Amino acid sequence: MIKIASQDDIPLIQHLAETIWWDHFPSMLSKDQIIYMLGWMYGKDKIKQEMLDGVVWLLYFDDENNALGYAAYGSAEDLSQWKLHKLYVL
């Protein structure tokens, strides 16, 4: 199932991001870089502001309602196209 995330889902998005980033990026990025990126891209206020600015966050669930991933998209600068901002799956 895919659902549009609300501000109430921000903690779940943050949890998924933490899990995915620490599981997959240590071989490519330093610990400090991961900490920086998680803080910059996934702070509660950052996600909330993106939602208010029209970025749509999606959550992906399996058949047992376990969250497996997330995506975010919004309109591109020329407003006639869409831009995929994030797509991460466990």
PDB file of N, CA and C in Angstrom:
ATOM      1  N   MET A   1       0.836  -1.165   0.000  1.00  0.00           N
ATOM      2  CA  MET A   1       0.000   0.000   0.000  1.00  0.00           C
ATOM      3  C   MET A   1       0.891   1.242   0.000  1.00  0.00           C
ATOM      4  N   ILE A   2       0.477   2.229  -0.720  1.00  0.00           N
ATOM      5  CA  ILE A   2       1.154   3.524  -0.713  1.00  0.00           C
ATOM      6  C   ILE A   2       0.157   4.557  -0.215  1.00  0.00           C
ATOM      7  N   LYS A   3       0.584   5.387   0.729  1.00  0.00           N
ATOM      8  CA  LYS A   3      -0.300   6.436   1.220  1.00  0.00           C
ATOM      9  C   LYS A   3       0.445   7.762   1.248  1.00  0.00           C
ATOM     10  N   ILE A   4      -0.297   8.830   1.108  1.00  0.00           N
ATOM     11  CA  ILE A   4       0.275  10.167   1.234  1.00  0.00           C
ATOM     12  C   ILE A   4       0.514  10.427   2.710  1.00  0.00           C
ATOM     13  N   ALA A   5       1.723  10.818   3.040  1.00  0.00           N
ATOM     14  CA  ALA A   5       2.091  11.073   4.429  1.00  0.00           C
ATOM     15  C   ALA A   5       1.554  12.430   4.877  1.00  0.00           C
ATOM     16  N   SER A   6       1.231  12.512   6.146  1.00  0.00           N
ATOM     17  CA  SER A   6       0.830  13.768   6.774  1.00  0.00           C
ATOM     18  C   SER A   6       1.895  14.171   7.781  1.00  0.00           C
ATOM     19  N   GLN A   7       1.712  15.315   8.384  1.00  0.00           N
ATOM     20  CA  GLN A   7       2.667  15.755   9.401  1.00  0.00           C
ATOM     21  C   GLN A   7       2.735  14.773  10.562  1.00  0.00           C
ATOM     22  N   ASP A   8       1.658  14.053  10.817  1.00  0.00           N
ATOM     23  CA  ASP A   8       1.672  13.033  11.875  1.00  0.00           C
ATOM     24  C   ASP A   8       2.620  11.882  11.553  1.00  0.00           C
ATOM     25  N   ASP A   9       2.953  11.722  10.286  1.00  0.00           N
ATOM     26  CA  ASP A   9       3.844  10.639   9.857  1.00  0.00           C
ATOM     27  C   ASP A   9       5.324  11.029   9.868  1.00  0.00           C
ATOM     28  N   ILE A  10       5.634  12.255  10.218  1.00  0.00           N
ATOM     29  CA  ILE A  10       7.036  12.698  10.200  1.00  0.00           C
ATOM     30  C   ILE A  10       7.931  11.808  11.051  1.00  0.00           C
ATOM     31  N   PRO A  11       7.538  11.427  12.277  1.00  0.00           N
ATOM     32  CA  PRO A  11       8.418  10.533  13.044  1.00  0.00           C
ATOM     33  C   PRO A  11       8.690   9.200  12.331  1.00  0.00           C
ATOM     34  N   LEU A  12       7.706   8.665  11.625  1.00  0.00           N
ATOM     35  CA  LEU A  12       7.910   7.417  10.880  1.00  0.00           C
ATOM     36  C   LEU A  12       8.877   7.651   9.723  1.00  0.00           C
ATOM     37  N   ILE A  13       8.729   8.749   9.009  1.00  0.00           N
ATOM     38  CA  ILE A  13       9.663   9.083   7.930  1.00  0.00           C
ATOM     39  C   ILE A  13      11.077   9.189   8.488  1.00  0.00           C
ATOM     40  N   GLN A  14      11.224   9.874   9.604  1.00  0.00           N
ATOM     41  CA  GLN A  14      12.549  10.027  10.218  1.00  0.00           C
ATOM     42  C   GLN A  14      13.120   8.678  10.629  1.00  0.00           C
ATOM     43  N   HIS A  15      12.288   7.815  11.191  1.00  0.00           N
ATOM     44  CA  HIS A  15      12.755   6.483  11.591  1.00  0.00           C
ATOM     45  C   HIS A  15      13.218   5.683  10.377  1.00  0.00           C
ATOM     46  N   LEU A  16      12.421   5.697   9.314  1.00  0.00           N
ATOM     47  CA  LEU A  16      12.820   4.984   8.097  1.00  0.00           C
ATOM     48  C   LEU A  16      14.123   5.542   7.540  1.00  0.00           C
ATOM     49  N   ALA A  17      14.248   6.858   7.504  1.00  0.00           N
ATOM     50  CA  ALA A  17      15.468   7.477   6.983  1.00  0.00           C
ATOM     51  C   ALA A  17      16.687   7.050   7.801  1.00  0.00           C
ATOM     52  N   GLU A  18      16.571   7.103   9.109  1.00  0.00           N
ATOM     53  CA  GLU A  18      17.680   6.691   9.979  1.00  0.00           C
ATOM     54  C   GLU A  18      18.077   5.241   9.685  1.00  0.00           C
ATOM     55  N   THR A  19      17.095   4.372   9.643  1.00  0.00           N
ATOM     56  CA  THR A  19      17.367   2.961   9.407  1.00  0.00           C
ATOM     57  C   THR A  19      18.012   2.733   8.044  1.00  0.00           C
ATOM     58  N   ILE A  20      17.412   3.296   7.022  1.00  0.00           N
ATOM     59  CA  ILE A  20      17.918   3.093   5.662  1.00  0.00           C
ATOM     60  C   ILE A  20      19.311   3.679   5.503  1.00  0.00           C
ATOM     61  N   TRP A  21      19.495   4.901   5.962  1.00  0.00           N
ATOM     62  CA  TRP A  21      20.809   5.545   5.774  1.00  0.00           C
ATOM     63  C   TRP A  21      21.908   4.805   6.533  1.00  0.00           C
ATOM     64  N   TRP A  22      21.655   4.392   7.770  1.00  0.00           N
ATOM     65  CA  TRP A  22      22.701   3.697   8.537  1.00  0.00           C
ATOM     66  C   TRP A  22      22.923   2.276   8.027  1.00  0.00           C
ATOM     67  N   ASP A  23      21.917   1.686   7.411  1.00  0.00           N
ATOM     68  CA  ASP A  23      22.100   0.346   6.840  1.00  0.00           C
ATOM     69  C   ASP A  23      22.859   0.363   5.520  1.00  0.00           C
ATOM     70  N   HIS A  24      22.730   1.436   4.754  1.00  0.00           N
ATOM     71  CA  HIS A  24      23.222   1.408   3.380  1.00  0.00           C
ATOM     72  C   HIS A  24      24.361   2.365   3.037  1.00  0.00           C
ATOM     73  N   PHE A  25      24.515   3.442   3.763  1.00  0.00           N
ATOM     74  CA  PHE A  25      25.479   4.445   3.322  1.00  0.00           C
ATOM     75  C   PHE A  25      26.841   4.469   4.028  1.00  0.00           C
ATOM     76  N   PRO A  26      27.055   3.746   5.129  1.00  0.00           N
ATOM     77  CA  PRO A  26      28.373   3.813   5.767  1.00  0.00           C
ATOM     78  C   PRO A  26      29.540   3.403   4.871  1.00  0.00           C
ATOM     79  N   SER A  27      29.288   2.586   3.875  1.00  0.00           N
ATOM     80  CA  SER A  27      30.384   2.203   2.983  1.00  0.00           C
ATOM     81  C   SER A  27      30.698   3.288   1.953  1.00  0.00           C
ATOM     82  N   MET A  28      29.798   4.269   1.829  1.00  0.00           N
ATOM     83  CA  MET A  28      29.985   5.338   0.843  1.00  0.00           C
ATOM     84  C   MET A  28      30.235   6.706   1.455  1.00  0.00           C
ATOM     85  N   LEU A  29      29.720   6.916   2.659  1.00  0.00           N
ATOM     86  CA  LEU A  29      29.812   8.227   3.306  1.00  0.00           C
ATOM     87  C   LEU A  29      30.374   8.071   4.710  1.00  0.00           C
ATOM     88  N   SER A  30      31.028   9.107   5.182  1.00  0.00           N
ATOM     89  CA  SER A  30      31.552   9.072   6.549  1.00  0.00           C
ATOM     90  C   SER A  30      30.391   9.194   7.549  1.00  0.00           C
ATOM     91  N   LYS A  31      30.648   8.780   8.774  1.00  0.00           N
ATOM     92  CA  LYS A  31      29.662   8.895   9.847  1.00  0.00           C
ATOM     93  C   LYS A  31      29.209  10.342   9.986  1.00  0.00           C
ATOM     94  N   ASP A  32      30.151  11.272   9.965  1.00  0.00           N
ATOM     95  CA  ASP A  32      29.808  12.693  10.100  1.00  0.00           C
ATOM     96  C   ASP A  32      28.929  13.176   8.953  1.00  0.00           C
ATOM     97  N   GLN A  33      29.198  12.681   7.735  1.00  0.00           N
ATOM     98  CA  GLN A  33      28.395  13.089   6.582  1.00  0.00           C
ATOM     99  C   GLN A  33      26.970  12.551   6.697  1.00  0.00           C
ATOM    100  N   ILE A  34      26.824  11.320   7.167  1.00  0.00           N
ATOM    101  CA  ILE A  34      25.487  10.744   7.342  1.00  0.00           C
ATOM    102  C   ILE A  34      24.716  11.528   8.394  1.00  0.00           C
ATOM    103  N   ILE A  35      25.353  11.826   9.498  1.00  0.00           N
ATOM    104  CA  ILE A  35      24.702  12.609  10.551  1.00  0.00           C
ATOM    105  C   ILE A  35      24.265  13.964  10.011  1.00  0.00           C
ATOM    106  N   TYR A  36      25.139  14.621   9.257  1.00  0.00           N
ATOM    107  CA  TYR A  36      24.811  15.914   8.659  1.00  0.00           C
ATOM    108  C   TYR A  36      23.623  15.798   7.707  1.00  0.00           C
ATOM    109  N   MET A  37      23.657  14.817   6.806  1.00  0.00           N
ATOM    110  CA  MET A  37      22.600  14.663   5.810  1.00  0.00           C
ATOM    111  C   MET A  37      21.256  14.345   6.463  1.00  0.00           C
ATOM    112  N   LEU A  38      21.258  13.469   7.456  1.00  0.00           N
ATOM    113  CA  LEU A  38      20.009  13.151   8.145  1.00  0.00           C
ATOM    114  C   LEU A  38      19.435  14.379   8.832  1.00  0.00           C
ATOM    115  N   GLY A  39      20.282  15.165   9.470  1.00  0.00           N
ATOM    116  CA  GLY A  39      19.814  16.385  10.124  1.00  0.00           C
ATOM    117  C   GLY A  39      19.296  17.415   9.137  1.00  0.00           C
ATOM    118  N   TRP A  40      19.993  17.553   8.028  1.00  0.00           N
ATOM    119  CA  TRP A  40      19.645  18.561   7.020  1.00  0.00           C
ATOM    120  C   TRP A  40      18.388  18.161   6.243  1.00  0.00           C
ATOM    121  N   MET A  41      18.281  16.906   5.854  1.00  0.00           N
ATOM    122  CA  MET A  41      17.182  16.475   4.984  1.00  0.00           C
ATOM    123  C   MET A  41      15.953  15.974   5.744  1.00  0.00           C
ATOM    124  N   TYR A  42      16.136  15.557   6.991  1.00  0.00           N
ATOM    125  CA  TYR A  42      15.054  14.873   7.681  1.00  0.00           C
ATOM    126  C   TYR A  42      14.700  15.460   9.046  1.00  0.00           C
ATOM    127  N   GLY A  43      15.097  16.687   9.301  1.00  0.00           N
ATOM    128  CA  GLY A  43      14.661  17.349  10.526  1.00  0.00           C
ATOM    129  C   GLY A  43      13.146  17.555  10.478  1.00  0.00           C
ATOM    130  N   LYS A  44      12.487  17.501  11.634  1.00  0.00           N
ATOM    131  CA  LYS A  44      11.033  17.648  11.683  1.00  0.00           C
ATOM    132  C   LYS A  44      10.582  18.929  10.995  1.00  0.00           C
ATOM    133  N   ASP A  45      11.234  20.038  11.299  1.00  0.00           N
ATOM    134  CA  ASP A  45      10.830  21.318  10.709  1.00  0.00           C
ATOM    135  C   ASP A  45      11.055  21.341   9.203  1.00  0.00           C
ATOM    136  N   LYS A  46      12.116  20.691   8.719  1.00  0.00           N
ATOM    137  CA  LYS A  46      12.411  20.637   7.284  1.00  0.00           C
ATOM    138  C   LYS A  46      11.319  19.873   6.538  1.00  0.00           C
ATOM    139  N   ILE A  47      10.959  18.696   7.044  1.00  0.00           N
ATOM    140  CA  ILE A  47       9.926  17.898   6.393  1.00  0.00           C
ATOM    141  C   ILE A  47       8.583  18.623   6.449  1.00  0.00           C
ATOM    142  N   LYS A  48       8.257  19.184   7.597  1.00  0.00           N
ATOM    143  CA  LYS A  48       6.998  19.928   7.744  1.00  0.00           C
ATOM    144  C   LYS A  48       6.934  21.077   6.747  1.00  0.00           C
ATOM    145  N   GLN A  49       8.010  21.831   6.609  1.00  0.00           N
ATOM    146  CA  GLN A  49       8.025  22.959   5.678  1.00  0.00           C
ATOM    147  C   GLN A  49       7.889  22.478   4.235  1.00  0.00           C
ATOM    148  N   GLU A  50       8.548  21.379   3.898  1.00  0.00           N
ATOM    149  CA  GLU A  50       8.399  20.830   2.558  1.00  0.00           C
ATOM    150  C   GLU A  50       6.949  20.456   2.287  1.00  0.00           C
ATOM    151  N   MET A  51       6.299  19.835   3.256  1.00  0.00           N
ATOM    152  CA  MET A  51       4.891  19.480   3.088  1.00  0.00           C
ATOM    153  C   MET A  51       4.045  20.726   2.873  1.00  0.00           C
ATOM    154  N   LEU A  52       4.314  21.759   3.657  1.00  0.00           N
ATOM    155  CA  LEU A  52       3.562  23.010   3.512  1.00  0.00           C
ATOM    156  C   LEU A  52       3.842  23.687   2.173  1.00  0.00           C
ATOM    157  N   ASP A  53       5.033  23.472   1.635  1.00  0.00           N
ATOM    158  CA  ASP A  53       5.419  24.068   0.346  1.00  0.00           C
ATOM    159  C   ASP A  53       4.945  23.250  -0.852  1.00  0.00           C
ATOM    160  N   GLY A  54       4.231  22.160  -0.606  1.00  0.00           N
ATOM    161  CA  GLY A  54       3.671  21.384  -1.705  1.00  0.00           C
ATOM    162  C   GLY A  54       4.414  20.126  -2.093  1.00  0.00           C
ATOM    163  N   VAL A  55       5.482  19.798  -1.376  1.00  0.00           N
ATOM    164  CA  VAL A  55       6.161  18.521  -1.633  1.00  0.00           C
ATOM    165  C   VAL A  55       5.277  17.415  -1.061  1.00  0.00           C
ATOM    166  N   VAL A  56       5.010  16.409  -1.860  1.00  0.00           N
ATOM    167  CA  VAL A  56       4.189  15.280  -1.435  1.00  0.00           C
ATOM    168  C   VAL A  56       5.112  14.158  -0.965  1.00  0.00           C
ATOM    169  N   TRP A  57       4.912  13.729   0.252  1.00  0.00           N
ATOM    170  CA  TRP A  57       5.660  12.609   0.809  1.00  0.00           C
ATOM    171  C   TRP A  57       4.755  11.386   0.770  1.00  0.00           C
ATOM    172  N   LEU A  58       5.297  10.265   0.335  1.00  0.00           N
ATOM    173  CA  LEU A  58       4.566   9.008   0.263  1.00  0.00           C
ATOM    174  C   LEU A  58       5.230   7.984   1.168  1.00  0.00           C
ATOM    175  N   LEU A  59       4.419   7.129   1.758  1.00  0.00           N
ATOM    176  CA  LEU A  59       4.916   6.010   2.552  1.00  0.00           C
ATOM    177  C   LEU A  59       4.469   4.711   1.899  1.00  0.00           C
ATOM    178  N   TYR A  60       5.353   3.740   1.890  1.00  0.00           N
ATOM    179  CA  TYR A  60       5.098   2.435   1.286  1.00  0.00           C
ATOM    180  C   TYR A  60       5.037   1.390   2.391  1.00  0.00           C
ATOM    181  N   PHE A  61       3.959   0.578   2.383  1.00  0.00           N
ATOM    182  CA  PHE A  61       3.740  -0.440   3.402  1.00  0.00           C
ATOM    183  C   PHE A  61       3.559  -1.811   2.759  1.00  0.00           C
ATOM    184  N   ASP A  62       3.962  -2.861   3.483  1.00  0.00           N
ATOM    185  CA  ASP A  62       3.696  -4.213   3.010  1.00  0.00           C
ATOM    186  C   ASP A  62       2.277  -4.625   3.405  1.00  0.00           C
ATOM    187  N   ASP A  63       1.909  -5.863   3.122  1.00  0.00           N
ATOM    188  CA  ASP A  63       0.552  -6.350   3.389  1.00  0.00           C
ATOM    189  C   ASP A  63       0.224  -6.421   4.876  1.00  0.00           C
ATOM    190  N   GLU A  64       1.244  -6.421   5.721  1.00  0.00           N
ATOM    191  CA  GLU A  64       1.017  -6.456   7.164  1.00  0.00           C
ATOM    192  C   GLU A  64       1.134  -5.081   7.799  1.00  0.00           C
ATOM    193  N   ASN A  65       1.125  -4.044   6.961  1.00  0.00           N
ATOM    194  CA  ASN A  65       1.169  -2.644   7.394  1.00  0.00           C
ATOM    195  C   ASN A  65       2.508  -2.250   8.012  1.00  0.00           C
ATOM    196  N   ASN A  66       3.585  -2.932   7.633  1.00  0.00           N
ATOM    197  CA  ASN A  66       4.927  -2.535   8.040  1.00  0.00           C
ATOM    198  C   ASN A  66       5.447  -1.509   7.042  1.00  0.00           C
ATOM    199  N   ALA A  67       5.942  -0.398   7.548  1.00  0.00           N
ATOM    200  CA  ALA A  67       6.492   0.633   6.663  1.00  0.00           C
ATOM    201  C   ALA A  67       7.800   0.138   6.063  1.00  0.00           C
ATOM    202  N   LEU A  68       7.904   0.219   4.744  1.00  0.00           N
ATOM    203  CA  LEU A  68       9.081  -0.287   4.043  1.00  0.00           C
ATOM    204  C   LEU A  68       9.877   0.797   3.319  1.00  0.00           C
ATOM    205  N   GLY A  69       9.295   1.958   3.126  1.00  0.00           N
ATOM    206  CA  GLY A  69      10.021   2.988   2.395  1.00  0.00           C
ATOM    207  C   GLY A  69       9.224   4.270   2.272  1.00  0.00           C
ATOM    208  N   TYR A  70       9.843   5.229   1.602  1.00  0.00           N
ATOM    209  CA  TYR A  70       9.211   6.534   1.421  1.00  0.00           C
ATOM    210  C   TYR A  70       9.729   7.178   0.148  1.00  0.00           C
ATOM    211  N   ALA A  71       8.962   8.122  -0.314  1.00  0.00           N
ATOM    212  CA  ALA A  71       9.340   8.921  -1.479  1.00  0.00           C
ATOM    213  C   ALA A  71       8.810  10.325  -1.252  1.00  0.00           C
ATOM    214  N   ALA A  72       9.375  11.269  -1.981  1.00  0.00           N
ATOM    215  CA  ALA A  72       8.880  12.645  -1.938  1.00  0.00           C
ATOM    216  C   ALA A  72       9.013  13.232  -3.334  1.00  0.00           C
ATOM    217  N   TYR A  73       7.986  13.961  -3.753  1.00  0.00           N
ATOM    218  CA  TYR A  73       8.028  14.603  -5.063  1.00  0.00           C
ATOM    219  C   TYR A  73       7.302  15.944  -5.006  1.00  0.00           C
ATOM    220  N   GLY A  74       7.614  16.796  -5.960  1.00  0.00           N
ATOM    221  CA  GLY A  74       6.956  18.087  -6.057  1.00  0.00           C
ATOM    222  C   GLY A  74       7.113  18.634  -7.450  1.00  0.00           C
ATOM    223  N   SER A  75       6.476  19.757  -7.695  1.00  0.00           N
ATOM    224  CA  SER A  75       6.565  20.343  -9.030  1.00  0.00           C
ATOM    225  C   SER A  75       7.965  20.906  -9.251  1.00  0.00           C
ATOM    226  N   ALA A  76       8.402  20.821 -10.502  1.00  0.00           N
ATOM    227  CA  ALA A  76       9.700  21.389 -10.887  1.00  0.00           C
ATOM    228  C   ALA A  76       9.531  22.903 -11.029  1.00  0.00           C
ATOM    229  N   GLU A  77      10.644  23.580 -11.247  1.00  0.00           N
ATOM    230  CA  GLU A  77      10.613  25.042 -11.308  1.00  0.00           C
ATOM    231  C   GLU A  77       9.679  25.589 -12.375  1.00  0.00           C
ATOM    232  N   ASP A  78       9.590  24.930 -13.528  1.00  0.00           N
ATOM    233  CA  ASP A  78       8.727  25.447 -14.591  1.00  0.00           C
ATOM    234  C   ASP A  78       7.260  25.048 -14.398  1.00  0.00           C
ATOM    235  N   LEU A  79       6.940  24.310 -13.350  1.00  0.00           N
ATOM    236  CA  LEU A  79       5.592  23.913 -12.949  1.00  0.00           C
ATOM    237  C   LEU A  79       4.871  23.005 -13.942  1.00  0.00           C
ATOM    238  N   SER A  80       5.495  22.647 -15.046  1.00  0.00           N
ATOM    239  CA  SER A  80       4.847  21.743 -15.992  1.00  0.00           C
ATOM    240  C   SER A  80       5.379  20.319 -15.857  1.00  0.00           C
ATOM    241  N   GLN A  81       6.298  20.115 -14.942  1.00  0.00           N
ATOM    242  CA  GLN A  81       6.886  18.799 -14.725  1.00  0.00           C
ATOM    243  C   GLN A  81       6.947  18.524 -13.231  1.00  0.00           C
ATOM    244  N   TRP A  82       7.152  17.253 -12.907  1.00  0.00           N
ATOM    245  CA  TRP A  82       7.306  16.824 -11.516  1.00  0.00           C
ATOM    246  C   TRP A  82       8.756  16.414 -11.289  1.00  0.00           C
ATOM    247  N   LYS A  83       9.207  16.606 -10.066  1.00  0.00           N
ATOM    248  CA  LYS A  83      10.573  16.243  -9.697  1.00  0.00           C
ATOM    249  C   LYS A  83      10.504  15.241  -8.541  1.00  0.00           C
ATOM    250  N   LEU A  84      11.194  14.113  -8.705  1.00  0.00           N
ATOM    251  CA  LEU A  84      11.315  13.144  -7.633  1.00  0.00           C
ATOM    252  C   LEU A  84      12.459  13.595  -6.733  1.00  0.00           C
ATOM    253  N   HIS A  85      12.149  13.899  -5.485  1.00  0.00           N
ATOM    254  CA  HIS A  85      13.153  14.375  -4.535  1.00  0.00           C
ATOM    255  C   HIS A  85      13.850  13.222  -3.805  1.00  0.00           C
ATOM    256  N   LYS A  86      13.052  12.235  -3.422  1.00  0.00           N
ATOM    257  CA  LYS A  86      13.597  11.127  -2.631  1.00  0.00           C
ATOM    258  C   LYS A  86      12.846   9.843  -2.980  1.00  0.00           C
ATOM    259  N   LEU A  87      13.574   8.734  -2.934  1.00  0.00           N
ATOM    260  CA  LEU A  87      12.980   7.410  -3.089  1.00  0.00           C
ATOM    261  C   LEU A  87      13.886   6.421  -2.369  1.00  0.00           C
ATOM    262  N   TYR A  88      13.433   5.932  -1.231  1.00  0.00           N
ATOM    263  CA  TYR A  88      14.236   5.042  -0.396  1.00  0.00           C
ATOM    264  C   TYR A  88      13.381   3.867   0.075  1.00  0.00           C
ATOM    265  N   VAL A  89      13.928   2.672  -0.019  1.00  0.00           N
ATOM    266  CA  VAL A  89      13.224   1.461   0.400  1.00  0.00           C
ATOM    267  C   VAL A  89      14.184   0.609   1.211  1.00  0.00           C
ATOM    268  N   LEU A  90      13.651   0.019   2.279  1.00  0.00           N
ATOM    269  CA  LEU A  90      14.475  -0.887   3.102  1.00  0.00           C
ATOM    270  C   LEU A  90      14.961  -2.048   2.281  1.00  0.00           C
TER     271      LEU A  90
END
